[in-house]
Amino acid sequence: MPENNNQLNFDPQDMTPGQSGGSQSPQALPPEEWFPKIKPAGPQNPQAGQSVDLPGNQAPERPAGQPLEAQLPPAELPQPDLPEQIPDSIAPVPDFSAFVAQSEPETANAVRYATLNSRFVASVIDGIILLIVEVVLKFTGVPSLVSFVASALYFTLFDSSDKMATPGKMLLKIQVIGATGGRLSFGRAFMRYFLIAAVFPLVYGTALFLSKAVHPLIVLPVAIAGIVVICMPGFTRYKQGLHDKMLNTFVVYK
């Protein structure tokens, strides 16, 4: 019969150490010993916690008891080049002062707000002066409209002057100022007088008319509201009346 060339030629010298010297055939070996074993260089399967020293990466030895952190050099982080002072153009701060209504003068730390008593006494003194003027005008035959104009000019000119006060306020050492602590303009001073002398009496006159035309009790809530408005300088934070709040004005001591 012809010889089978596919037959394995087994050499006992190729067997790994630990096998019997050729007394066993390859079919009798267990599968894990069919091929030569290759042992990698270096330690194998280090135990947990055991360090492996690789070539070129040797850890320096440290004295016993010295922590590893003590051997590490301090970290040097790159410092950015910052200017000594950031220009305002880089981060501008928006100005919202124009959108916020001022509720007190800028010189609030240096002023004292006039009390209700001082304002009332000053109003009485100004009322007496105007009453004398009105009596004189009546004796001269001047129409009543002139008396109203004289009263308006009296408060407007005095409150918008350098004194910032009527004669009654001067005697009580109080004056009218704006939100910035300065004197009022002529137009603002006139509007302040107009609210006191025209608008409020107009509301009261309308209430009296309705009380006669509709019902007498309708004047009661209006009277209560009028008392509250008159007494506002006595309990508001900056001693302001309703007209002062509407025009952002203040009455303060000199």
Protein backbone atom coordinates (compact mmCIF):
# COMPACT_ATOMS: atom_id res chain seq x y z
CA MET A 1 0.00 0.00 0.00
CA PRO A 2 1.27 3.51 -0.66
CA GLU A 3 2.58 5.47 2.35
CA ASN A 4 0.25 8.16 3.75
CA ASN A 5 2.11 11.52 3.51
CA ASN A 6 -0.42 13.24 5.83
CA GLN A 7 0.73 11.26 8.85
CA LEU A 8 2.08 13.46 11.67
CA ASN A 9 5.78 13.17 12.40
CA PHE A 10 6.00 13.67 16.14
CA ASP A 11 9.41 14.34 17.70
CA PRO A 12 9.62 13.71 21.45
CA GLN A 13 12.27 16.48 21.73
CA ASP A 14 9.58 19.13 21.04
CA MET A 15 7.68 18.23 24.15
CA THR A 16 7.76 20.68 26.97
CA PRO A 17 9.62 19.85 30.16
CA GLY A 18 7.59 17.82 32.56
CA GLN A 19 6.39 15.40 29.94
CA SER A 20 7.72 11.96 29.84
CA GLY A 21 10.61 11.53 27.41
CA GLY A 22 8.67 10.47 24.34
CA SER A 23 6.82 7.61 25.90
CA GLN A 24 3.48 9.24 25.09
CA SER A 25 2.01 9.99 21.71
CA PRO A 26 0.52 13.47 20.94
CA GLN A 27 -2.90 11.93 20.92
CA ALA A 28 -2.37 10.91 24.55
CA LEU A 29 -1.41 14.42 25.74
CA PRO A 30 -4.06 16.70 27.19
CA PRO A 31 -5.06 19.55 24.85
CA GLU A 32 -3.42 22.27 26.95
CA GLU A 33 0.00 20.62 26.45
CA TRP A 34 -0.18 20.15 22.72
CA PHE A 35 1.74 23.41 22.02
CA PRO A 36 4.94 24.75 23.60
CA LYS A 37 4.40 27.13 26.47
CA ILE A 38 5.78 30.71 26.10
CA LYS A 39 6.79 32.44 29.30
CA PRO A 40 6.56 36.26 29.07
CA ALA A 41 9.45 38.30 30.41
CA GLY A 42 8.95 39.95 33.78
CA PRO A 43 6.72 39.07 36.73
CA GLN A 44 3.46 37.34 36.05
CA ASN A 45 0.12 37.83 37.75
CA PRO A 46 1.22 40.29 40.48
CA GLN A 47 -0.79 40.17 43.64
CA ALA A 48 -3.22 42.94 44.50
CA GLY A 49 -1.33 45.93 45.81
CA GLN A 50 2.04 44.69 44.47
CA SER A 51 3.82 47.19 42.25
CA VAL A 52 5.34 46.14 38.96
CA ASP A 53 8.58 47.87 38.04
CA LEU A 54 8.78 48.32 34.30
CA PRO A 55 11.98 49.34 32.53
CA GLY A 56 12.34 53.11 32.24
CA ASN A 57 9.54 53.79 34.71
CA GLN A 58 11.14 53.02 38.02
CA ALA A 59 9.51 54.72 40.99
CA PRO A 60 11.94 56.52 43.30
CA GLU A 61 12.44 55.02 46.66
CA ARG A 62 10.98 56.94 49.60
CA PRO A 63 11.86 56.66 53.27
CA ALA A 64 9.66 54.48 55.38
CA GLY A 65 6.64 56.28 56.79
CA GLN A 66 6.88 59.19 54.38
CA PRO A 67 3.68 59.74 52.34
CA LEU A 68 3.88 59.72 48.59
CA GLU A 69 2.54 63.29 48.40
CA ALA A 70 5.65 64.58 50.17
CA GLN A 71 7.81 63.53 47.20
CA LEU A 72 5.70 65.16 44.53
CA PRO A 73 6.84 68.60 43.38
CA PRO A 74 4.31 71.45 43.73
CA ALA A 75 2.07 71.86 40.74
CA GLU A 76 2.95 74.87 38.65
CA LEU A 77 -0.08 76.11 36.74
CA PRO A 78 0.35 78.67 33.97
CA GLN A 79 -0.71 82.12 35.07
CA PRO A 80 -2.76 84.07 32.53
CA ASP A 81 -1.57 87.53 31.60
CA LEU A 82 -4.27 89.82 33.03
CA PRO A 83 -4.18 93.62 32.90
CA GLU A 84 -3.76 95.44 36.18
CA GLN A 85 -7.08 97.19 35.70
CA ILE A 86 -9.92 96.05 33.48
CA PRO A 87 -11.08 98.93 31.27
CA ASP A 88 -14.68 99.99 31.57
CA SER A 89 -15.17 99.35 27.88
CA ILE A 90 -14.75 95.60 28.38
CA ALA A 91 -17.63 95.11 30.80
CA PRO A 92 -19.80 98.24 30.84
CA VAL A 93 -22.38 98.46 33.60
CA PRO A 94 -25.81 99.39 32.23
CA ASP A 95 -27.40 102.48 33.70
CA PHE A 96 -31.05 101.95 34.55
CA SER A 97 -31.45 105.13 36.57
CA ALA A 98 -33.54 106.68 33.81
CA PHE A 99 -36.08 103.87 34.11
CA VAL A 100 -36.35 103.90 37.90
CA ALA A 101 -38.48 106.61 39.45
CA GLN A 102 -36.69 108.37 42.26
CA SER A 103 -38.52 108.24 45.55
CA GLU A 104 -36.23 110.46 47.61
CA PRO A 105 -33.76 113.26 46.97
CA GLU A 106 -30.13 112.43 46.33
CA THR A 107 -29.18 114.40 49.45
CA ALA A 108 -31.43 112.24 51.65
CA ASN A 109 -28.64 111.65 54.19
CA ALA A 110 -28.32 115.40 54.86
CA VAL A 111 -31.96 116.52 55.03
CA ARG A 112 -34.81 116.31 57.51
CA TYR A 113 -38.31 116.06 56.13
CA ALA A 114 -40.81 118.61 57.34
CA THR A 115 -43.51 117.29 59.65
CA LEU A 116 -47.23 117.71 59.13
CA ASN A 117 -47.39 120.33 61.92
CA SER A 118 -44.73 122.54 60.31
CA ARG A 119 -46.43 122.35 56.93
CA PHE A 120 -49.82 123.12 58.44
CA VAL A 121 -48.55 126.20 60.32
CA ALA A 122 -46.76 127.45 57.18
CA SER A 123 -50.00 127.01 55.18
CA VAL A 124 -51.95 129.01 57.78
CA ILE A 125 -49.42 131.88 57.60
CA ASP A 126 -49.55 131.90 53.77
CA GLY A 127 -53.34 131.77 53.91
CA ILE A 128 -53.47 134.84 56.16
CA ILE A 129 -51.17 136.76 53.79
CA LEU A 130 -53.31 135.82 50.77
CA LEU A 131 -56.50 136.73 52.64
CA ILE A 132 -55.14 140.22 53.26
CA VAL A 133 -54.23 140.54 49.57
CA GLU A 134 -57.70 139.39 48.52
CA VAL A 135 -59.41 141.87 50.81
CA VAL A 136 -57.30 144.69 49.39
CA LEU A 137 -58.13 143.61 45.83
CA LYS A 138 -61.85 143.50 46.58
CA PHE A 139 -61.81 147.02 47.94
CA THR A 140 -60.16 148.16 44.75
CA GLY A 141 -62.85 146.49 42.64
CA VAL A 142 -60.61 143.87 41.04
CA PRO A 143 -62.46 140.75 39.77
CA SER A 144 -62.18 137.49 41.69
CA LEU A 145 -60.22 135.89 38.85
CA VAL A 146 -57.38 138.25 39.61
CA SER A 147 -57.33 136.97 43.18
CA PHE A 148 -56.89 133.41 41.90
CA VAL A 149 -54.07 134.49 39.59
CA ALA A 150 -52.40 136.37 42.43
CA SER A 151 -52.60 133.29 44.65
CA ALA A 152 -51.10 131.10 41.90
CA LEU A 153 -48.26 133.55 41.30
CA TYR A 154 -47.64 133.82 45.04
CA PHE A 155 -46.92 130.08 45.50
CA THR A 156 -45.31 129.55 42.10
CA LEU A 157 -42.84 132.44 42.25
CA PHE A 158 -41.83 131.86 45.87
CA ASP A 159 -41.45 128.06 45.59
CA SER A 160 -39.38 128.36 42.39
CA SER A 161 -37.18 131.17 43.71
CA ASP A 162 -33.74 130.82 45.24
CA LYS A 163 -35.36 130.68 48.68
CA MET A 164 -37.48 127.69 47.54
CA ALA A 165 -40.13 128.70 50.06
CA THR A 166 -43.10 130.97 50.59
CA PRO A 167 -43.02 133.49 53.46
CA GLY A 168 -44.88 131.01 55.66
CA LYS A 169 -42.32 128.29 54.94
CA MET A 170 -39.48 130.73 55.54
CA LEU A 171 -40.77 131.46 59.04
CA LEU A 172 -40.89 127.73 59.78
CA LYS A 173 -37.48 127.23 58.11
CA ILE A 174 -38.74 124.71 55.58
CA GLN A 175 -38.47 124.68 51.80
CA VAL A 176 -39.62 122.72 48.74
CA ILE A 177 -37.00 120.79 46.76
CA GLY A 178 -36.95 118.41 43.81
CA ALA A 179 -35.59 114.88 43.57
CA THR A 180 -32.04 116.17 43.04
CA GLY A 181 -32.18 118.49 46.05
CA GLY A 182 -32.40 121.68 43.96
CA ARG A 183 -35.13 124.23 43.52
CA LEU A 184 -38.21 123.61 41.42
CA SER A 185 -38.69 125.02 37.97
CA PHE A 186 -41.46 127.54 37.39
CA GLY A 187 -43.60 124.98 35.58
CA ARG A 188 -43.22 122.35 38.29
CA ALA A 189 -43.98 124.81 41.03
CA PHE A 190 -47.12 125.90 39.14
CA MET A 191 -48.25 122.29 38.73
CA ARG A 192 -47.75 121.72 42.43
CA TYR A 193 -49.97 124.67 43.25
CA PHE A 194 -52.49 123.64 40.57
CA LEU A 195 -52.89 120.18 42.13
CA ILE A 196 -53.48 121.70 45.57
CA ALA A 197 -55.68 124.65 44.60
CA ALA A 198 -57.55 123.38 41.54
CA VAL A 199 -57.71 119.59 41.14
CA PHE A 200 -58.52 118.64 44.72
CA PRO A 201 -61.22 121.30 45.18
CA LEU A 202 -62.64 120.21 41.83
CA VAL A 203 -62.99 116.64 43.10
CA TYR A 204 -64.62 117.83 46.33
CA GLY A 205 -66.98 120.12 44.39
CA THR A 206 -68.01 117.19 42.16
CA ALA A 207 -68.69 115.08 45.24
CA LEU A 208 -70.88 117.79 46.75
CA PHE A 209 -72.79 118.11 43.49
CA LEU A 210 -73.40 114.36 43.35
CA SER A 211 -74.49 114.32 46.98
CA LYS A 212 -77.25 116.77 46.13
CA ALA A 213 -78.19 115.22 42.79
CA VAL A 214 -77.89 111.51 43.67
CA HIS A 215 -77.65 110.79 47.39
CA PRO A 216 -76.27 112.72 50.40
CA LEU A 217 -74.21 109.74 51.62
CA ILE A 218 -72.04 109.83 48.51
CA VAL A 219 -70.04 112.67 50.05
CA LEU A 220 -69.01 110.48 53.00
CA PRO A 221 -66.34 108.34 51.26
CA VAL A 222 -65.04 111.44 49.49
CA ALA A 223 -64.70 113.25 52.82
CA ILE A 224 -62.81 110.29 54.31
CA ALA A 225 -60.51 110.20 51.29
CA GLY A 226 -59.93 113.95 51.63
CA ILE A 227 -58.90 113.58 55.27
CA VAL A 228 -56.48 110.81 54.35
CA VAL A 229 -54.94 112.94 51.57
CA ILE A 230 -54.52 115.93 53.89
CA CYS A 231 -52.85 113.79 56.56
CA MET A 232 -50.50 111.94 54.19
CA PRO A 233 -47.43 114.01 55.19
CA GLY A 234 -47.92 112.73 58.72
CA PHE A 235 -47.54 109.01 57.97
CA THR A 236 -45.69 108.63 54.66
CA ARG A 237 -42.00 107.74 54.70
CA TYR A 238 -40.71 111.01 53.25
CA LYS A 239 -43.49 113.21 54.66
CA GLN A 240 -44.96 113.69 51.18
CA GLY A 241 -48.46 114.72 50.31
CA LEU A 242 -50.28 113.27 47.34
CA HIS A 243 -49.25 116.22 45.16
CA ASP A 244 -45.62 115.74 46.25
CA LYS A 245 -45.70 112.09 45.24
CA MET A 246 -47.25 112.91 41.89
CA LEU A 247 -44.52 115.48 41.11
CA ASN A 248 -41.68 113.85 43.09
CA THR A 249 -41.13 116.88 45.32
CA PHE A 250 -40.22 117.10 49.00
CA VAL A 251 -40.63 119.58 51.83
CA VAL A 252 -37.58 119.64 54.07
CA TYR A 253 -36.02 121.69 56.84
CA LYS A 254 -33.24 124.08 55.90
